[in-house]
Amino acid sequence: MSADSIWSYGPTTGHVEGQDLTGYTVDSTDGTIGVAEREADPAGMLHLVVDTAVWAFGRSVLVPAGTVTGIDTENRTITVACTRSEVKGAPRFETDSETLDPDYLTRVAAYYRDLPGQRTPAS
């Protein structure tokens, strides 16, 4: 299991263990990214798969839980600490099998970890 905080929700996000985030709107610092299709946790690497709809040509993106800054259950929104263009620039997500691919997940972690404003990985 990874101790890397990019794969876990921060203590102030409002995340509750077992909470179903499917269907929540995902907002970046500069606009809406899309809708959470599902949450996955292969080998301790918790992340959201987000349907970006039209703005990113209808593709889905993988967003690590560590990028989440807040969850509003009343308004069904998730806020992340990155911009739309940063999410769009992440390693391309194409198939569900990638969520089980350690090399792909390592690239995703490195990309998001290096963005400005991200929490420091746990040691």
PDB file of N, CA and C in Angstrom:
ATOM      1  N   MET A   1       0.839  -1.185   0.000  1.00  0.00           N
ATOM      2  CA  MET A   1       0.000   0.000   0.000  1.00  0.00           C
ATOM      3  C   MET A   1       0.879   1.241   0.000  1.00  0.00           C
ATOM      4  N   SER A   2       0.518   2.198  -0.829  1.00  0.00           N
ATOM      5  CA  SER A   2       1.304   3.405  -0.978  1.00  0.00           C
ATOM      6  C   SER A   2       1.064   4.377   0.170  1.00  0.00           C
ATOM      7  N   ALA A   3       2.152   4.949   0.686  1.00  0.00           N
ATOM      8  CA  ALA A   3       2.034   5.968   1.723  1.00  0.00           C
ATOM      9  C   ALA A   3       2.000   7.354   1.094  1.00  0.00           C
ATOM     10  N   ASP A   4       2.012   7.436  -0.218  1.00  0.00           N
ATOM     11  CA  ASP A   4       2.053   8.689  -0.952  1.00  0.00           C
ATOM     12  C   ASP A   4       0.710   9.411  -0.823  1.00  0.00           C
ATOM     13  N   SER A   5       0.728  10.633  -0.298  1.00  0.00           N
ATOM     14  CA  SER A   5      -0.514  11.370  -0.044  1.00  0.00           C
ATOM     15  C   SER A   5      -1.257  11.785  -1.317  1.00  0.00           C
ATOM     16  N   ILE A   6      -0.623  11.693  -2.470  1.00  0.00           N
ATOM     17  CA  ILE A   6      -1.332  12.024  -3.713  1.00  0.00           C
ATOM     18  C   ILE A   6      -2.491  11.047  -3.936  1.00  0.00           C
ATOM     19  N   TRP A   7      -2.428   9.877  -3.295  1.00  0.00           N
ATOM     20  CA  TRP A   7      -3.444   8.843  -3.463  1.00  0.00           C
ATOM     21  C   TRP A   7      -4.432   8.787  -2.291  1.00  0.00           C
ATOM     22  N   SER A   8      -4.438   9.781  -1.417  1.00  0.00           N
ATOM     23  CA  SER A   8      -5.382   9.764  -0.297  1.00  0.00           C
ATOM     24  C   SER A   8      -6.008  11.140  -0.097  1.00  0.00           C
ATOM     25  N   TYR A   9      -7.237  11.139   0.419  1.00  0.00           N
ATOM     26  CA  TYR A   9      -7.917  12.395   0.706  1.00  0.00           C
ATOM     27  C   TYR A   9      -7.267  13.060   1.909  1.00  0.00           C
ATOM     28  N   GLY A  10      -7.111  14.364   1.847  1.00  0.00           N
ATOM     29  CA  GLY A  10      -6.586  15.109   2.981  1.00  0.00           C
ATOM     30  C   GLY A  10      -7.615  15.180   4.103  1.00  0.00           C
ATOM     31  N   PRO A  11      -7.160  15.426   5.327  1.00  0.00           N
ATOM     32  CA  PRO A  11      -8.051  15.416   6.481  1.00  0.00           C
ATOM     33  C   PRO A  11      -9.101  16.527   6.482  1.00  0.00           C
ATOM     34  N   THR A  12      -8.900  17.582   5.694  1.00  0.00           N
ATOM     35  CA  THR A  12      -9.853  18.702   5.697  1.00  0.00           C
ATOM     36  C   THR A  12     -10.778  18.727   4.477  1.00  0.00           C
ATOM     37  N   THR A  13     -10.777  17.658   3.689  1.00  0.00           N
ATOM     38  CA  THR A  13     -11.583  17.651   2.464  1.00  0.00           C
ATOM     39  C   THR A  13     -13.058  17.392   2.704  1.00  0.00           C
ATOM     40  N   GLY A  14     -13.394  16.800   3.841  1.00  0.00           N
ATOM     41  CA  GLY A  14     -14.778  16.426   4.102  1.00  0.00           C
ATOM     42  C   GLY A  14     -15.117  15.043   3.607  1.00  0.00           C
ATOM     43  N   HIS A  15     -14.108  14.296   3.162  1.00  0.00           N
ATOM     44  CA  HIS A  15     -14.358  12.933   2.682  1.00  0.00           C
ATOM     45  C   HIS A  15     -14.706  12.020   3.839  1.00  0.00           C
ATOM     46  N   VAL A  16     -15.703  11.179   3.628  1.00  0.00           N
ATOM     47  CA  VAL A  16     -16.115  10.184   4.606  1.00  0.00           C
ATOM     48  C   VAL A  16     -15.891   8.809   3.992  1.00  0.00           C
ATOM     49  N   GLU A  17     -15.194   7.944   4.733  1.00  0.00           N
ATOM     50  CA  GLU A  17     -14.923   6.580   4.248  1.00  0.00           C
ATOM     51  C   GLU A  17     -16.221   5.913   3.806  1.00  0.00           C
ATOM     52  N   GLY A  18     -16.210   5.308   2.619  1.00  0.00           N
ATOM     53  CA  GLY A  18     -17.383   4.627   2.098  1.00  0.00           C
ATOM     54  C   GLY A  18     -18.368   5.525   1.367  1.00  0.00           C
ATOM     55  N   GLN A  19     -18.091   6.800   1.348  1.00  0.00           N
ATOM     56  CA  GLN A  19     -18.958   7.771   0.682  1.00  0.00           C
ATOM     57  C   GLN A  19     -18.946   7.538  -0.831  1.00  0.00           C
ATOM     58  N   ASP A  20     -20.118   7.514  -1.454  1.00  0.00           N
ATOM     59  CA  ASP A  20     -20.226   7.325  -2.901  1.00  0.00           C
ATOM     60  C   ASP A  20     -20.214   8.682  -3.579  1.00  0.00           C
ATOM     61  N   LEU A  21     -19.160   8.961  -4.338  1.00  0.00           N
ATOM     62  CA  LEU A  21     -19.012  10.247  -5.018  1.00  0.00           C
ATOM     63  C   LEU A  21     -19.459  10.197  -6.473  1.00  0.00           C
ATOM     64  N   THR A  22     -19.978   9.063  -6.915  1.00  0.00           N
ATOM     65  CA  THR A  22     -20.457   8.922  -8.282  1.00  0.00           C
ATOM     66  C   THR A  22     -21.528   9.963  -8.576  1.00  0.00           C
ATOM     67  N   GLY A  23     -21.368  10.662  -9.682  1.00  0.00           N
ATOM     68  CA  GLY A  23     -22.340  11.668 -10.091  1.00  0.00           C
ATOM     69  C   GLY A  23     -22.060  13.060  -9.564  1.00  0.00           C
ATOM     70  N   TYR A  24     -21.082  13.211  -8.686  1.00  0.00           N
ATOM     71  CA  TYR A  24     -20.723  14.539  -8.184  1.00  0.00           C
ATOM     72  C   TYR A  24     -20.041  15.334  -9.294  1.00  0.00           C
ATOM     73  N   THR A  25     -20.304  16.629  -9.355  1.00  0.00           N
ATOM     74  CA  THR A  25     -19.615  17.515 -10.284  1.00  0.00           C
ATOM     75  C   THR A  25     -18.220  17.776  -9.745  1.00  0.00           C
ATOM     76  N   VAL A  26     -17.212  17.734 -10.617  1.00  0.00           N
ATOM     77  CA  VAL A  26     -15.832  17.977 -10.214  1.00  0.00           C
ATOM     78  C   VAL A  26     -15.411  19.337 -10.764  1.00  0.00           C
ATOM     79  N   ASP A  27     -15.073  20.236  -9.832  1.00  0.00           N
ATOM     80  CA  ASP A  27     -14.670  21.598 -10.191  1.00  0.00           C
ATOM     81  C   ASP A  27     -13.190  21.802  -9.940  1.00  0.00           C
ATOM     82  N   SER A  28     -12.543  22.493 -10.891  1.00  0.00           N
ATOM     83  CA  SER A  28     -11.136  22.854 -10.735  1.00  0.00           C
ATOM     84  C   SER A  28     -11.080  24.286 -10.204  1.00  0.00           C
ATOM     85  N   THR A  29      -9.889  24.836 -10.120  1.00  0.00           N
ATOM     86  CA  THR A  29      -9.740  26.208  -9.648  1.00  0.00           C
ATOM     87  C   THR A  29     -10.269  27.222 -10.656  1.00  0.00           C
ATOM     88  N   ASP A  30     -10.501  26.794 -11.900  1.00  0.00           N
ATOM     89  CA  ASP A  30     -10.969  27.735 -12.919  1.00  0.00           C
ATOM     90  C   ASP A  30     -12.167  27.226 -13.723  1.00  0.00           C
ATOM     91  N   GLY A  31     -12.945  26.324 -13.163  1.00  0.00           N
ATOM     92  CA  GLY A  31     -14.148  25.867 -13.855  1.00  0.00           C
ATOM     93  C   GLY A  31     -14.415  24.398 -13.645  1.00  0.00           C
ATOM     94  N   THR A  32     -15.511  23.954 -14.224  1.00  0.00           N
ATOM     95  CA  THR A  32     -15.923  22.560 -14.074  1.00  0.00           C
ATOM     96  C   THR A  32     -15.109  21.648 -14.976  1.00  0.00           C
ATOM     97  N   ILE A  33     -14.673  20.517 -14.409  1.00  0.00           N
ATOM     98  CA  ILE A  33     -13.939  19.504 -15.171  1.00  0.00           C
ATOM     99  C   ILE A  33     -14.908  18.497 -15.759  1.00  0.00           C
ATOM    100  N   GLY A  34     -15.861  18.052 -14.945  1.00  0.00           N
ATOM    101  CA  GLY A  34     -16.811  17.055 -15.405  1.00  0.00           C
ATOM    102  C   GLY A  34     -17.538  16.424 -14.241  1.00  0.00           C
ATOM    103  N   VAL A  35     -17.890  15.148 -14.412  1.00  0.00           N
ATOM    104  CA  VAL A  35     -18.665  14.413 -13.418  1.00  0.00           C
ATOM    105  C   VAL A  35     -17.900  13.147 -13.022  1.00  0.00           C
ATOM    106  N   ALA A  36     -17.867  12.878 -11.718  1.00  0.00           N
ATOM    107  CA  ALA A  36     -17.193  11.673 -11.227  1.00  0.00           C
ATOM    108  C   ALA A  36     -17.964  10.439 -11.683  1.00  0.00           C
ATOM    109  N   GLU A  37     -17.318   9.607 -12.516  1.00  0.00           N
ATOM    110  CA  GLU A  37     -17.927   8.355 -12.976  1.00  0.00           C
ATOM    111  C   GLU A  37     -17.832   7.293 -11.893  1.00  0.00           C
ATOM    112  N   ARG A  38     -16.688   7.277 -11.205  1.00  0.00           N
ATOM    113  CA  ARG A  38     -16.469   6.283 -10.155  1.00  0.00           C
ATOM    114  C   ARG A  38     -15.216   6.650  -9.377  1.00  0.00           C
ATOM    115  N   GLU A  39     -15.078   5.970  -8.251  1.00  0.00           N
ATOM    116  CA  GLU A  39     -13.898   6.086  -7.418  1.00  0.00           C
ATOM    117  C   GLU A  39     -13.257   4.702  -7.385  1.00  0.00           C
ATOM    118  N   ALA A  40     -11.941   4.655  -7.480  1.00  0.00           N
ATOM    119  CA  ALA A  40     -11.242   3.371  -7.474  1.00  0.00           C
ATOM    120  C   ALA A  40     -10.072   3.440  -6.503  1.00  0.00           C
ATOM    121  N   ASP A  41      -9.688   2.279  -5.980  1.00  0.00           N
ATOM    122  CA  ASP A  41      -8.610   2.214  -5.000  1.00  0.00           C
ATOM    123  C   ASP A  41      -7.749   0.972  -5.195  1.00  0.00           C
ATOM    124  N   PRO A  42      -7.145   0.831  -6.380  1.00  0.00           N
ATOM    125  CA  PRO A  42      -6.283  -0.339  -6.577  1.00  0.00           C
ATOM    126  C   PRO A  42      -4.994  -0.179  -5.789  1.00  0.00           C
ATOM    127  N   ALA A  43      -4.703  -1.120  -4.949  1.00  0.00           N
ATOM    128  CA  ALA A  43      -3.448  -1.160  -4.187  1.00  0.00           C
ATOM    129  C   ALA A  43      -3.176   0.125  -3.410  1.00  0.00           C
ATOM    130  N   GLY A  44      -4.207   0.720  -2.815  1.00  0.00           N
ATOM    131  CA  GLY A  44      -4.012   1.916  -2.010  1.00  0.00           C
ATOM    132  C   GLY A  44      -3.799   3.190  -2.802  1.00  0.00           C
ATOM    133  N   MET A  45      -4.169   3.189  -4.089  1.00  0.00           N
ATOM    134  CA  MET A  45      -4.004   4.357  -4.948  1.00  0.00           C
ATOM    135  C   MET A  45      -5.384   4.918  -5.284  1.00  0.00           C
ATOM    136  N   LEU A  46      -5.989   5.583  -4.310  1.00  0.00           N
ATOM    137  CA  LEU A  46      -7.348   6.093  -4.416  1.00  0.00           C
ATOM    138  C   LEU A  46      -7.429   7.241  -5.419  1.00  0.00           C
ATOM    139  N   HIS A  47      -8.382   7.141  -6.342  1.00  0.00           N
ATOM    140  CA  HIS A  47      -8.536   8.178  -7.362  1.00  0.00           C
ATOM    141  C   HIS A  47      -9.971   8.200  -7.890  1.00  0.00           C
ATOM    142  N   LEU A  48     -10.276   9.275  -8.596  1.00  0.00           N
ATOM    143  CA  LEU A  48     -11.557   9.427  -9.268  1.00  0.00           C
ATOM    144  C   LEU A  48     -11.341   9.290 -10.767  1.00  0.00           C
ATOM    145  N   VAL A  49     -12.298   8.675 -11.442  1.00  0.00           N
ATOM    146  CA  VAL A  49     -12.338   8.694 -12.897  1.00  0.00           C
ATOM    147  C   VAL A  49     -13.441   9.687 -13.235  1.00  0.00           C
ATOM    148  N   VAL A  50     -13.068  10.739 -13.971  1.00  0.00           N
ATOM    149  CA  VAL A  50     -13.977  11.845 -14.245  1.00  0.00           C
ATOM    150  C   VAL A  50     -14.281  11.920 -15.736  1.00  0.00           C
ATOM    151  N   ASP A  51     -15.574  11.937 -16.061  1.00  0.00           N
ATOM    152  CA  ASP A  51     -16.026  12.131 -17.437  1.00  0.00           C
ATOM    153  C   ASP A  51     -15.977  13.624 -17.706  1.00  0.00           C
ATOM    154  N   THR A  52     -15.134  14.044 -18.649  1.00  0.00           N
ATOM    155  CA  THR A  52     -14.943  15.463 -18.919  1.00  0.00           C
ATOM    156  C   THR A  52     -15.961  16.050 -19.890  1.00  0.00           C
ATOM    157  N   ALA A  53     -16.807  15.211 -20.434  1.00  0.00           N
ATOM    158  CA  ALA A  53     -17.845  15.665 -21.376  1.00  0.00           C
ATOM    159  C   ALA A  53     -17.218  16.393 -22.556  1.00  0.00           C
ATOM    160  N   VAL A  54     -17.750  17.522 -22.923  1.00  0.00           N
ATOM    161  CA  VAL A  54     -17.368  18.193 -24.167  1.00  0.00           C
ATOM    162  C   VAL A  54     -16.026  18.915 -24.108  1.00  0.00           C
ATOM    163  N   TRP A  55     -15.667  19.533 -22.987  1.00  0.00           N
ATOM    164  CA  TRP A  55     -14.488  20.408 -22.982  1.00  0.00           C
ATOM    165  C   TRP A  55     -13.181  19.693 -23.280  1.00  0.00           C
ATOM    166  N   ALA A  56     -13.081  18.423 -23.002  1.00  0.00           N
ATOM    167  CA  ALA A  56     -11.849  17.675 -23.306  1.00  0.00           C
ATOM    168  C   ALA A  56     -12.150  16.560 -24.316  1.00  0.00           C
ATOM    169  N   PHE A  57     -13.019  16.854 -25.257  1.00  0.00           N
ATOM    170  CA  PHE A  57     -13.353  15.926 -26.330  1.00  0.00           C
ATOM    171  C   PHE A  57     -13.980  14.641 -25.828  1.00  0.00           C
ATOM    172  N   GLY A  58     -14.723  14.736 -24.726  1.00  0.00           N
ATOM    173  CA  GLY A  58     -15.488  13.605 -24.229  1.00  0.00           C
ATOM    174  C   GLY A  58     -14.685  12.483 -23.621  1.00  0.00           C
ATOM    175  N   ARG A  59     -13.448  12.723 -23.288  1.00  0.00           N
ATOM    176  CA  ARG A  59     -12.655  11.659 -22.692  1.00  0.00           C
ATOM    177  C   ARG A  59     -12.743  11.693 -21.172  1.00  0.00           C
ATOM    178  N   SER A  60     -12.356  10.619 -20.553  1.00  0.00           N
ATOM    179  CA  SER A  60     -12.297  10.562 -19.100  1.00  0.00           C
ATOM    180  C   SER A  60     -10.869  10.842 -18.647  1.00  0.00           C
ATOM    181  N   VAL A  61     -10.744  11.334 -17.420  1.00  0.00           N
ATOM    182  CA  VAL A  61      -9.431  11.591 -16.839  1.00  0.00           C
ATOM    183  C   VAL A  61      -9.359  10.933 -15.462  1.00  0.00           C
ATOM    184  N   LEU A  62      -8.157  10.594 -15.061  1.00  0.00           N
ATOM    185  CA  LEU A  62      -7.937  10.029 -13.741  1.00  0.00           C
ATOM    186  C   LEU A  62      -7.401  11.143 -12.850  1.00  0.00           C
ATOM    187  N   VAL A  63      -8.051  11.367 -11.700  1.00  0.00           N
ATOM    188  CA  VAL A  63      -7.669  12.425 -10.780  1.00  0.00           C
ATOM    189  C   VAL A  63      -7.388  11.808  -9.406  1.00  0.00           C
ATOM    190  N   PRO A  64      -6.135  11.837  -8.939  1.00  0.00           N
ATOM    191  CA  PRO A  64      -5.815  11.270  -7.628  1.00  0.00           C
ATOM    192  C   PRO A  64      -6.577  11.968  -6.496  1.00  0.00           C
ATOM    193  N   ALA A  65      -6.930  11.200  -5.465  1.00  0.00           N
ATOM    194  CA  ALA A  65      -7.663  11.735  -4.318  1.00  0.00           C
ATOM    195  C   ALA A  65      -6.910  12.874  -3.630  1.00  0.00           C
ATOM    196  N   GLY A  66      -5.591  12.870  -3.695  1.00  0.00           N
ATOM    197  CA  GLY A  66      -4.794  13.909  -3.054  1.00  0.00           C
ATOM    198  C   GLY A  66      -4.947  15.279  -3.663  1.00  0.00           C
ATOM    199  N   THR A  67      -5.545  15.373  -4.849  1.00  0.00           N
ATOM    200  CA  THR A  67      -5.778  16.685  -5.457  1.00  0.00           C
ATOM    201  C   THR A  67      -7.078  17.313  -4.958  1.00  0.00           C
ATOM    202  N   VAL A  68      -7.914  16.520  -4.278  1.00  0.00           N
ATOM    203  CA  VAL A  68      -9.209  17.008  -3.794  1.00  0.00           C
ATOM    204  C   VAL A  68      -8.996  17.941  -2.608  1.00  0.00           C
ATOM    205  N   THR A  69      -9.601  19.129  -2.691  1.00  0.00           N
ATOM    206  CA  THR A  69      -9.511  20.097  -1.597  1.00  0.00           C
ATOM    207  C   THR A  69     -10.812  20.206  -0.819  1.00  0.00           C
ATOM    208  N   GLY A  70     -11.904  19.735  -1.407  1.00  0.00           N
ATOM    209  CA  GLY A  70     -13.174  19.802  -0.698  1.00  0.00           C
ATOM    210  C   GLY A  70     -14.249  18.957  -1.348  1.00  0.00           C
ATOM    211  N   ILE A  71     -15.158  18.472  -0.501  1.00  0.00           N
ATOM    212  CA  ILE A  71     -16.318  17.707  -0.963  1.00  0.00           C
ATOM    213  C   ILE A  71     -17.547  18.331  -0.314  1.00  0.00           C
ATOM    214  N   ASP A  72     -18.470  18.783  -1.140  1.00  0.00           N
ATOM    215  CA  ASP A  72     -19.708  19.397  -0.663  1.00  0.00           C
ATOM    216  C   ASP A  72     -20.854  18.431  -0.958  1.00  0.00           C
ATOM    217  N   THR A  73     -21.294  17.705   0.068  1.00  0.00           N
ATOM    218  CA  THR A  73     -22.333  16.696  -0.137  1.00  0.00           C
ATOM    219  C   THR A  73     -23.691  17.325  -0.441  1.00  0.00           C
ATOM    220  N   GLU A  74     -23.948  18.507   0.093  1.00  0.00           N
ATOM    221  CA  GLU A  74     -25.235  19.164  -0.153  1.00  0.00           C
ATOM    222  C   GLU A  74     -25.392  19.546  -1.624  1.00  0.00           C
ATOM    223  N   ASN A  75     -24.327  20.110  -2.199  1.00  0.00           N
ATOM    224  CA  ASN A  75     -24.365  20.527  -3.605  1.00  0.00           C
ATOM    225  C   ASN A  75     -23.797  19.477  -4.557  1.00  0.00           C
ATOM    226  N   ARG A  76     -23.342  18.334  -3.991  1.00  0.00           N
ATOM    227  CA  ARG A  76     -22.787  17.237  -4.768  1.00  0.00           C
ATOM    228  C   ARG A  76     -21.652  17.698  -5.688  1.00  0.00           C
ATOM    229  N   THR A  77     -20.682  18.398  -5.068  1.00  0.00           N
ATOM    230  CA  THR A  77     -19.518  18.865  -5.820  1.00  0.00           C
ATOM    231  C   THR A  77     -18.224  18.446  -5.122  1.00  0.00           C
ATOM    232  N   ILE A  78     -17.212  18.242  -5.949  1.00  0.00           N
ATOM    233  CA  ILE A  78     -15.860  17.931  -5.498  1.00  0.00           C
ATOM    234  C   ILE A  78     -14.972  19.024  -6.088  1.00  0.00           C
ATOM    235  N   THR A  79     -14.123  19.625  -5.254  1.00  0.00           N
ATOM    236  CA  THR A  79     -13.208  20.658  -5.727  1.00  0.00           C
ATOM    237  C   THR A  79     -11.791  20.103  -5.700  1.00  0.00           C
ATOM    238  N   VAL A  80     -11.035  20.355  -6.776  1.00  0.00           N
ATOM    239  CA  VAL A  80      -9.647  19.904  -6.854  1.00  0.00           C
ATOM    240  C   VAL A  80      -8.714  21.104  -6.972  1.00  0.00           C
ATOM    241  N   ALA A  81      -7.462  20.914  -6.552  1.00  0.00           N
ATOM    242  CA  ALA A  81      -6.472  21.996  -6.482  1.00  0.00           C
ATOM    243  C   ALA A  81      -5.658  22.121  -7.759  1.00  0.00           C
ATOM    244  N   CYS A  82      -6.306  22.029  -8.898  1.00  0.00           N
ATOM    245  CA  CYS A  82      -5.595  22.204 -10.159  1.00  0.00           C
ATOM    246  C   CYS A  82      -6.541  22.861 -11.158  1.00  0.00           C
ATOM    247  N   THR A  83      -5.973  23.328 -12.246  1.00  0.00           N
ATOM    248  CA  THR A  83      -6.767  23.990 -13.273  1.00  0.00           C
ATOM    249  C   THR A  83      -7.273  22.968 -14.294  1.00  0.00           C
ATOM    250  N   ARG A  84      -8.205  23.425 -15.107  1.00  0.00           N
ATOM    251  CA  ARG A  84      -8.714  22.563 -16.180  1.00  0.00           C
ATOM    252  C   ARG A  84      -7.595  22.141 -17.125  1.00  0.00           C
ATOM    253  N   SER A  85      -6.720  23.081 -17.480  1.00  0.00           N
ATOM    254  CA  SER A  85      -5.639  22.743 -18.420  1.00  0.00           C
ATOM    255  C   SER A  85      -4.643  21.775 -17.786  1.00  0.00           C
ATOM    256  N   GLU A  86      -4.417  21.880 -16.470  1.00  0.00           N
ATOM    257  CA  GLU A  86      -3.533  20.924 -15.808  1.00  0.00           C
ATOM    258  C   GLU A  86      -4.135  19.521 -15.839  1.00  0.00           C
ATOM    259  N   VAL A  87      -5.436  19.418 -15.594  1.00  0.00           N
ATOM    260  CA  VAL A  87      -6.100  18.112 -15.664  1.00  0.00           C
ATOM    261  C   VAL A  87      -6.041  17.577 -17.092  1.00  0.00           C
ATOM    262  N   LYS A  88      -6.290  18.454 -18.051  1.00  0.00           N
ATOM    263  CA  LYS A  88      -6.271  18.046 -19.461  1.00  0.00           C
ATOM    264  C   LYS A  88      -4.872  17.581 -19.887  1.00  0.00           C
ATOM    265  N   GLY A  89      -3.821  18.138 -19.265  1.00  0.00           N
ATOM    266  CA  GLY A  89      -2.443  17.784 -19.603  1.00  0.00           C
ATOM    267  C   GLY A  89      -1.922  16.527 -18.913  1.00  0.00           C
ATOM    268  N   ALA A  90      -2.728  15.936 -18.044  1.00  0.00           N
ATOM    269  CA  ALA A  90      -2.311  14.728 -17.315  1.00  0.00           C
ATOM    270  C   ALA A  90      -2.123  13.563 -18.276  1.00  0.00           C
ATOM    271  N   PRO A  91      -1.367  12.555 -17.863  1.00  0.00           N
ATOM    272  CA  PRO A  91      -1.225  11.369 -18.722  1.00  0.00           C
ATOM    273  C   PRO A  91      -2.592  10.846 -19.164  1.00  0.00           C
ATOM    274  N   ARG A  92      -2.719  10.605 -20.434  1.00  0.00           N
ATOM    275  CA  ARG A  92      -4.001  10.225 -21.040  1.00  0.00           C
ATOM    276  C   ARG A  92      -4.552   8.929 -20.444  1.00  0.00           C
ATOM    277  N   PHE A  93      -5.816   8.959 -20.068  1.00  0.00           N
ATOM    278  CA  PHE A  93      -6.520   7.795 -19.538  1.00  0.00           C
ATOM    279  C   PHE A  93      -7.395   7.245 -20.653  1.00  0.00           C
ATOM    280  N   GLU A  94      -7.189   5.972 -21.001  1.00  0.00           N
ATOM    281  CA  GLU A  94      -7.955   5.410 -22.109  1.00  0.00           C
ATOM    282  C   GLU A  94      -8.781   4.195 -21.741  1.00  0.00           C
ATOM    283  N   THR A  95      -8.259   3.335 -20.862  1.00  0.00           N
ATOM    284  CA  THR A  95      -8.996   2.118 -20.526  1.00  0.00           C
ATOM    285  C   THR A  95      -8.954   1.860 -19.018  1.00  0.00           C
ATOM    286  N   ASP A  96      -9.955   1.137 -18.535  1.00  0.00           N
ATOM    287  CA  ASP A  96     -10.008   0.812 -17.117  1.00  0.00           C
ATOM    288  C   ASP A  96      -8.801   0.003 -16.665  1.00  0.00           C
ATOM    289  N   SER A  97      -8.201  -0.755 -17.561  1.00  0.00           N
ATOM    290  CA  SER A  97      -7.042  -1.567 -17.168  1.00  0.00           C
ATOM    291  C   SER A  97      -5.880  -0.683 -16.712  1.00  0.00           C
ATOM    292  N   GLU A  98      -5.845   0.561 -17.153  1.00  0.00           N
ATOM    293  CA  GLU A  98      -4.774   1.467 -16.739  1.00  0.00           C
ATOM    294  C   GLU A  98      -4.821   1.757 -15.240  1.00  0.00           C
ATOM    295  N   THR A  99      -6.006   1.668 -14.633  1.00  0.00           N
ATOM    296  CA  THR A  99      -6.100   1.925 -13.201  1.00  0.00           C
ATOM    297  C   THR A  99      -5.419   0.821 -12.396  1.00  0.00           C
ATOM    298  N   LEU A 100      -5.041  -0.265 -13.064  1.00  0.00           N
ATOM    299  CA  LEU A 100      -4.322  -1.359 -12.419  1.00  0.00           C
ATOM    300  C   LEU A 100      -2.864  -1.444 -12.870  1.00  0.00           C
ATOM    301  N   ASP A 101      -2.459  -0.551 -13.755  1.00  0.00           N
ATOM    302  CA  ASP A 101      -1.112  -0.558 -14.316  1.00  0.00           C
ATOM    303  C   ASP A 101      -0.189   0.316 -13.458  1.00  0.00           C
ATOM    304  N   PRO A 102       0.759  -0.308 -12.720  1.00  0.00           N
ATOM    305  CA  PRO A 102       1.640   0.460 -11.838  1.00  0.00           C
ATOM    306  C   PRO A 102       2.445   1.541 -12.565  1.00  0.00           C
ATOM    307  N   ASP A 103       2.886   1.269 -13.795  1.00  0.00           N
ATOM    308  CA  ASP A 103       3.656   2.264 -14.543  1.00  0.00           C
ATOM    309  C   ASP A 103       2.805   3.488 -14.867  1.00  0.00           C
ATOM    310  N   TYR A 104       1.578   3.257 -15.317  1.00  0.00           N
ATOM    311  CA  TYR A 104       0.672   4.368 -15.617  1.00  0.00           C
ATOM    312  C   TYR A 104       0.386   5.169 -14.344  1.00  0.00           C
ATOM    313  N   LEU A 105       0.066   4.490 -13.254  1.00  0.00           N
ATOM    314  CA  LEU A 105      -0.251   5.177 -11.996  1.00  0.00           C
ATOM    315  C   LEU A 105       0.951   5.948 -11.462  1.00  0.00           C
ATOM    316  N   THR A 106       2.152   5.442 -11.668  1.00  0.00           N
ATOM    317  CA  THR A 106       3.362   6.158 -11.260  1.00  0.00           C
ATOM    318  C   THR A 106       3.514   7.445 -12.055  1.00  0.00           C
ATOM    319  N   ARG A 107       3.237   7.389 -13.369  1.00  0.00           N
ATOM    320  CA  ARG A 107       3.293   8.598 -14.208  1.00  0.00           C
ATOM    321  C   ARG A 107       2.249   9.617 -13.774  1.00  0.00           C
ATOM    322  N   VAL A 108       1.035   9.142 -13.476  1.00  0.00           N
ATOM    323  CA  VAL A 108      -0.036  10.033 -13.024  1.00  0.00           C
ATOM    324  C   VAL A 108       0.370  10.705 -11.712  1.00  0.00           C
ATOM    325  N   ALA A 109       0.877   9.918 -10.763  1.00  0.00           N
ATOM    326  CA  ALA A 109       1.286  10.465  -9.463  1.00  0.00           C
ATOM    327  C   ALA A 109       2.363  11.534  -9.640  1.00  0.00           C
ATOM    328  N   ALA A 110       3.367  11.243 -10.451  1.00  0.00           N
ATOM    329  CA  ALA A 110       4.454  12.196 -10.669  1.00  0.00           C
ATOM    330  C   ALA A 110       3.927  13.488 -11.288  1.00  0.00           C
ATOM    331  N   TYR A 111       3.021  13.367 -12.252  1.00  0.00           N
ATOM    332  CA  TYR A 111       2.463  14.543 -12.912  1.00  0.00           C
ATOM    333  C   TYR A 111       1.731  15.432 -11.906  1.00  0.00           C
ATOM    334  N   TYR A 112       0.776  14.869 -11.178  1.00  0.00           N
ATOM    335  CA  TYR A 112      -0.022  15.662 -10.247  1.00  0.00           C
ATOM    336  C   TYR A 112       0.801  16.147  -9.058  1.00  0.00           C
ATOM    337  N   ARG A 113       1.726  15.349  -8.571  1.00  0.00           N
ATOM    338  CA  ARG A 113       2.559  15.735  -7.432  1.00  0.00           C
ATOM    339  C   ARG A 113       3.386  16.973  -7.761  1.00  0.00           C
ATOM    340  N   ASP A 114       3.795  17.106  -9.020  1.00  0.00           N
ATOM    341  CA  ASP A 114       4.645  18.222  -9.422  1.00  0.00           C
ATOM    342  C   ASP A 114       3.875  19.504  -9.743  1.00  0.00           C
ATOM    343  N   LEU A 115       2.553  19.457  -9.707  1.00  0.00           N
ATOM    344  CA  LEU A 115       1.771  20.665  -9.980  1.00  0.00           C
ATOM    345  C   LEU A 115       1.871  21.632  -8.804  1.00  0.00           C
ATOM    346  N   PRO A 116       1.832  22.939  -9.075  1.00  0.00           N
ATOM    347  CA  PRO A 116       1.847  23.905  -7.967  1.00  0.00           C
ATOM    348  C   PRO A 116       0.625  23.693  -7.065  1.00  0.00           C
ATOM    349  N   GLY A 117       0.799  23.878  -5.772  1.00  0.00           N
ATOM    350  CA  GLY A 117      -0.333  23.817  -4.840  1.00  0.00           C
ATOM    351  C   GLY A 117      -0.691  22.450  -4.320  1.00  0.00           C
ATOM    352  N   GLN A 118       0.034  21.400  -4.683  1.00  0.00           N
ATOM    353  CA  GLN A 118      -0.297  20.056  -4.206  1.00  0.00           C
ATOM    354  C   GLN A 118       0.318  19.821  -2.834  1.00  0.00           C
ATOM    355  N   ARG A 119      -0.360  18.976  -2.033  1.00  0.00           N
ATOM    356  CA  ARG A 119       0.161  18.610  -0.720  1.00  0.00           C
ATOM    357  C   ARG A 119       1.483  17.871  -0.887  1.00  0.00           C
ATOM    358  N   THR A 120       2.327  17.991   0.087  1.00  0.00           N
ATOM    359  CA  THR A 120       3.592  17.271   0.078  1.00  0.00           C
ATOM    360  C   THR A 120       3.356  15.796   0.336  1.00  0.00           C
ATOM    361  N   PRO A 121       3.961  14.902  -0.451  1.00  0.00           N
ATOM    362  CA  PRO A 121       3.789  13.477  -0.219  1.00  0.00           C
ATOM    363  C   PRO A 121       4.229  13.087   1.184  1.00  0.00           C
ATOM    364  N   ALA A 122       3.522  12.102   1.752  1.00  0.00           N
ATOM    365  CA  ALA A 122       3.886  11.596   3.067  1.00  0.00           C
ATOM    366  C   ALA A 122       5.209  10.848   2.981  1.00  0.00           C
ATOM    367  N   SER A 123       5.979  10.915   4.034  1.00  0.00           N
ATOM    368  CA  SER A 123       7.263  10.203   3.992  1.00  0.00           C
ATOM    369  C   SER A 123       7.184   8.906   4.731  1.00  0.00           C
TER     370      SER A 123
END
